[in-house]
């Protein structure tokens, strides 16, 4: 599972284009507009300069490889092999430079993304409570990657509060604090999925393969998005449906 097109807020049909690639890329990756390698699109990058990222120009979602697609087991999708020489292009099928099929991302494009810890195939933090509370405002888990105040979600997948989520208001590696209490006492052994993303206005960053949302990123240099749906119920199948802020689009 990687990024996939999930529709448009206006009901508009997707804008599908074929672009020459500027670097090796894979089906299911988010792409940015290229600037210096002769092609048009390349894989998007982690936010690298500001809060929000002010460098990357989000372009499209790669929905397929047109030229000599080759399945990659790590990325779990077809690869587009960036090439420049005549010999490489004559060996391609069809002949020519590597081309990717893309859905253009606009401010109303909805994108479905797996939520993973660092890389595709690794589920987000899901921990049992080691110290509970009778007021529903705090609980302690074994050490995790630091949550981000106001931008992380804790979702109860086992216990009296099953199916209920809350925003973390004080980020930490062990003790998770919320301002709106869980309605029932939190007990030792209750299980929580913990991810650095939330519904509504959110900050996110990508996994190492640029095929999903990284649940454990510190969000120092994030992208701004609006999350329309957040599902943390089942381990290994966590996902979000979101749209990019216009500040990341041309």
Protein backbone atom coordinates (compact mmCIF):
# COMPACT_ATOMS: atom_id res chain seq x y z
CA UNK A 1 0.00 0.00 0.00
CA UNK A 2 1.32 3.45 -0.96
CA UNK A 3 -0.22 6.85 -1.71
CA UNK A 4 -3.36 6.58 -3.84
CA UNK A 5 -5.89 8.93 -5.38
CA UNK A 6 -9.05 9.20 -3.25
CA UNK A 7 -11.18 11.62 -5.26
CA UNK A 8 -11.74 15.36 -5.30
CA UNK A 9 -13.61 17.59 -2.88
CA UNK A 10 -15.49 19.19 -5.79
CA UNK A 11 -16.31 15.92 -7.52
CA UNK A 12 -14.04 16.84 -10.43
CA UNK A 13 -12.43 14.12 -12.53
CA UNK A 14 -8.69 13.51 -11.98
CA UNK A 15 -6.24 15.33 -14.26
CA UNK A 16 -3.98 12.59 -15.65
CA UNK A 17 -0.72 13.42 -17.40
CA UNK A 18 2.41 11.60 -18.53
CA UNK A 19 5.71 13.25 -17.58
CA UNK A 20 9.41 12.46 -18.15
CA UNK A 21 11.07 11.66 -14.84
CA UNK A 22 13.95 13.52 -13.23
CA UNK A 23 15.09 10.66 -10.96
CA UNK A 24 14.24 7.02 -10.25
CA UNK A 25 10.68 6.90 -8.91
CA UNK A 26 8.00 4.40 -8.01
CA UNK A 27 4.30 3.87 -8.44
CA UNK A 28 2.49 5.25 -5.39
CA UNK A 29 4.97 8.02 -4.59
CA UNK A 30 4.16 11.69 -4.19
CA UNK A 31 6.08 13.72 -6.75
CA UNK A 32 7.40 17.26 -6.90
CA UNK A 33 8.15 19.49 -9.86
CA UNK A 34 11.75 19.10 -11.00
CA UNK A 35 14.26 21.87 -11.49
CA UNK A 36 17.69 20.67 -12.56
CA UNK A 37 17.87 17.17 -14.12
CA UNK A 38 16.12 17.51 -17.45
CA UNK A 39 12.81 15.88 -16.57
CA UNK A 40 9.57 17.23 -15.12
CA UNK A 41 8.81 15.24 -11.93
CA UNK A 42 10.76 13.41 -9.23
CA UNK A 43 9.95 11.96 -5.78
CA UNK A 44 8.97 14.54 -3.17
CA UNK A 45 11.39 15.24 -0.34
CA UNK A 46 11.14 15.43 3.43
CA UNK A 47 10.41 18.95 4.62
CA UNK A 48 13.85 20.50 4.76
CA UNK A 49 13.77 24.19 5.45
CA UNK A 50 10.94 25.59 7.54
CA UNK A 51 7.67 25.06 9.40
CA UNK A 52 5.95 24.65 7.00
CA UNK A 53 8.33 23.39 4.32
CA UNK A 54 9.01 26.22 1.89
CA UNK A 55 11.12 24.41 -0.71
CA UNK A 56 9.24 21.46 -2.18
CA UNK A 57 6.70 22.14 -4.93
CA UNK A 58 4.21 19.27 -4.74
CA UNK A 59 3.19 18.23 -8.26
CA UNK A 60 1.43 14.92 -8.59
CA UNK A 61 0.81 11.37 -7.48
CA UNK A 62 2.53 8.65 -9.50
CA UNK A 63 -0.18 6.17 -10.50
CA UNK A 64 1.86 4.11 -12.95
CA UNK A 65 5.11 3.69 -14.87
CA UNK A 66 4.75 4.01 -18.65
CA UNK A 67 8.28 3.11 -19.77
CA UNK A 68 9.76 -0.35 -19.07
CA UNK A 69 8.08 -0.80 -15.66
CA UNK A 70 9.89 -3.19 -13.31
CA UNK A 71 8.34 -4.31 -10.01
CA UNK A 72 10.39 -3.46 -6.93
CA UNK A 73 9.81 -5.66 -3.86
CA UNK A 74 11.01 -3.01 -1.39
CA UNK A 75 8.75 -0.26 -2.71
CA UNK A 76 5.99 -2.75 -3.57
CA UNK A 77 5.32 -1.09 -6.92
CA UNK A 78 6.70 -0.55 -10.40
CA UNK A 79 9.89 1.50 -10.79
CA UNK A 80 10.63 4.15 -13.40
CA UNK A 81 14.35 4.07 -14.19
CA UNK A 82 15.71 7.59 -14.88
CA UNK A 83 17.94 7.56 -17.94
CA UNK A 84 19.60 10.15 -20.15
CA UNK A 85 21.73 8.44 -22.81
CA UNK A 86 20.64 7.43 -26.29
CA UNK A 87 21.57 3.80 -25.63
CA UNK A 88 19.40 3.58 -22.52
CA UNK A 89 16.46 5.22 -24.26
CA UNK A 90 16.70 2.93 -27.31
CA UNK A 91 16.53 -0.04 -24.93
CA UNK A 92 13.31 1.22 -23.35
CA UNK A 93 9.83 0.03 -24.24
CA UNK A 94 8.43 2.21 -25.69
CA UNK A 95 11.62 3.85 -26.97
CA UNK A 96 12.40 7.14 -25.26
CA UNK A 97 13.06 8.56 -21.83
CA UNK A 98 11.37 7.14 -18.74
CA UNK A 99 7.80 8.38 -18.37
CA UNK A 100 5.43 8.25 -15.40
CA UNK A 101 1.64 8.40 -15.39
CA UNK A 102 0.58 11.03 -12.86
CA UNK A 103 -2.52 12.52 -11.27
CA UNK A 104 -1.99 16.26 -10.84
CA UNK A 105 -2.48 17.40 -7.23
CA UNK A 106 -4.65 20.49 -6.76
CA UNK A 107 -5.96 22.13 -3.56
CA UNK A 108 -9.07 19.91 -3.74
CA UNK A 109 -7.33 16.60 -4.50
CA UNK A 110 -7.90 13.92 -1.87
CA UNK A 111 -5.02 11.52 -1.21
CA UNK A 112 -5.19 8.29 0.77
CA UNK A 113 -1.95 7.53 2.58
CA UNK A 114 -0.77 4.62 4.70
CA UNK A 115 0.53 5.71 8.10
CA UNK A 116 3.78 3.90 8.90
CA UNK A 117 6.72 4.09 11.26
CA UNK A 118 9.65 5.29 9.12
CA UNK A 119 9.09 2.93 6.18
CA UNK A 120 6.36 1.03 4.33
CA UNK A 121 5.56 -2.26 6.03
CA UNK A 122 6.31 -1.06 9.58
CA UNK A 123 3.22 -0.20 11.61
CA UNK A 124 2.98 2.91 13.84
CA UNK A 125 3.70 2.74 17.57
CA UNK A 126 1.05 0.62 19.32
CA UNK A 127 1.72 0.21 23.02
CA UNK A 128 0.11 -1.23 26.12
CA UNK A 129 -0.46 1.15 29.02
CA UNK A 130 1.93 0.53 31.93
CA UNK A 131 0.46 3.17 34.26
CA UNK A 132 -3.15 4.25 33.91
CA UNK A 133 -5.27 6.98 35.47
CA UNK A 134 -8.64 7.41 37.11
CA UNK A 135 -9.28 10.80 35.48
CA UNK A 136 -8.63 9.78 31.84
CA UNK A 137 -6.08 12.54 31.32
CA UNK A 138 -2.76 10.70 31.29
CA UNK A 139 -1.29 7.28 30.71
CA UNK A 140 2.23 5.87 30.51
CA UNK A 141 3.63 3.49 27.87
CA UNK A 142 7.06 2.02 27.22
CA UNK A 143 9.40 4.45 25.49
CA UNK A 144 8.30 5.57 22.02
CA UNK A 145 9.38 8.27 19.58
CA UNK A 146 8.40 11.64 21.03
CA UNK A 147 4.86 12.78 20.37
CA UNK A 148 4.28 16.38 19.25
CA UNK A 149 2.15 18.66 21.39
CA UNK A 150 -1.17 19.47 19.64
CA UNK A 151 -0.26 17.43 16.53
CA UNK A 152 -0.25 13.80 17.73
CA UNK A 153 -3.16 11.42 18.24
CA UNK A 154 -3.61 8.60 20.75
CA UNK A 155 -6.23 6.05 19.75
CA UNK A 156 -7.46 3.40 22.16
CA UNK A 157 -7.67 0.02 20.40
CA UNK A 158 -8.09 -2.12 23.54
CA UNK A 159 -9.81 -1.28 26.83
CA UNK A 160 -12.87 0.59 28.09
CA UNK A 161 -12.13 3.52 25.76
CA UNK A 162 -11.78 1.37 22.62
CA UNK A 163 -12.53 3.35 19.46
CA UNK A 164 -11.93 6.74 21.10
CA UNK A 165 -9.06 9.08 20.19
CA UNK A 166 -7.67 12.24 21.72
CA UNK A 167 -5.12 14.90 20.76
CA UNK A 168 -1.89 14.84 22.76
CA UNK A 169 -1.46 18.23 24.43
CA UNK A 170 1.97 17.55 26.01
CA UNK A 171 4.29 15.52 23.81
CA UNK A 172 6.62 12.99 25.44
CA UNK A 173 8.32 9.62 25.00
CA UNK A 174 6.42 7.83 27.78
CA UNK A 175 3.68 9.82 29.58
CA UNK A 176 0.94 10.92 27.17
CA UNK A 177 -1.22 13.83 28.33
CA UNK A 178 -4.54 14.95 26.89
CA UNK A 179 -6.73 17.93 27.80
CA UNK A 180 -10.08 16.37 26.91
CA UNK A 181 -10.29 13.31 29.15
CA UNK A 182 -11.04 9.83 27.92
CA UNK A 183 -14.54 9.12 29.30
CA UNK A 184 -13.52 5.95 31.15
CA UNK A 185 -10.63 5.18 33.47
CA UNK A 186 -7.42 4.12 31.71
CA UNK A 187 -6.15 0.78 33.00
CA UNK A 188 -2.84 -1.06 32.81
CA UNK A 189 -2.90 -3.20 29.66
CA UNK A 190 -5.14 -0.85 27.68
CA UNK A 191 -3.67 -0.50 24.18
CA UNK A 192 -3.10 2.71 22.26
CA UNK A 193 -1.97 3.49 18.72
CA UNK A 194 0.15 6.64 18.86
CA UNK A 195 0.86 8.66 15.71
CA UNK A 196 2.15 12.14 14.93
CA UNK A 197 -0.88 13.20 12.90
CA UNK A 198 -4.37 14.42 13.74
CA UNK A 199 -7.71 15.13 12.09
CA UNK A 200 -8.41 18.60 10.73
CA UNK A 201 -5.47 20.96 10.25
CA UNK A 202 -2.34 18.83 10.69
CA UNK A 203 1.39 18.74 10.17
CA UNK A 204 2.86 15.65 8.49
CA UNK A 205 6.05 14.33 6.98
CA UNK A 206 6.80 11.38 4.72
CA UNK A 207 8.31 7.97 5.33
CA UNK A 208 11.79 7.18 3.99
CA UNK A 209 10.37 5.90 0.68
CA UNK A 210 7.98 8.85 0.15
CA UNK A 211 5.07 6.42 -0.12
CA UNK A 212 3.27 7.18 3.14
CA UNK A 213 3.01 9.37 6.24
CA UNK A 214 5.64 8.82 8.91
CA UNK A 215 3.89 8.31 12.26
CA UNK A 216 7.04 9.04 14.26
CA UNK A 217 8.48 12.12 12.54
CA UNK A 218 9.34 14.99 14.92
CA UNK A 219 7.56 17.43 12.55
CA UNK A 220 10.35 19.99 12.75
CA UNK A 221 10.02 20.76 9.03
CA UNK A 222 6.54 19.51 8.13
CA UNK A 223 3.97 19.88 5.40
CA UNK A 224 0.63 21.51 6.22
CA UNK A 225 -2.43 19.44 5.29
CA UNK A 226 -6.10 19.02 6.14
CA UNK A 227 -6.89 15.48 7.29
CA UNK A 228 -10.45 14.51 6.37
CA UNK A 229 -10.26 10.96 7.72
CA UNK A 230 -7.91 9.31 10.19
CA UNK A 231 -8.12 5.56 10.85
CA UNK A 232 -5.83 4.00 13.46
CA UNK A 233 -7.93 0.96 14.36
CA UNK A 234 -6.02 -1.98 12.89
CA UNK A 235 -2.27 -2.49 13.21
CA UNK A 236 -0.58 -2.39 9.82
CA UNK A 237 -3.62 -0.87 8.11
CA UNK A 238 -3.56 2.64 9.56
CA UNK A 239 -4.34 5.38 7.02
CA UNK A 240 -5.37 8.98 6.48
CA UNK A 241 -7.22 10.81 3.70
CA UNK A 242 -5.94 14.36 3.31
CA UNK A 243 -5.51 17.39 1.05
CA UNK A 244 -2.42 19.61 0.81
CA UNK A 245 -2.38 23.23 1.89
CA UNK A 246 -2.12 25.56 -1.12
CA UNK A 247 1.23 26.86 0.19
CA UNK A 248 2.87 23.63 -1.09
CA UNK A 249 1.37 23.83 -4.57
CA UNK A 250 2.18 25.93 -7.63
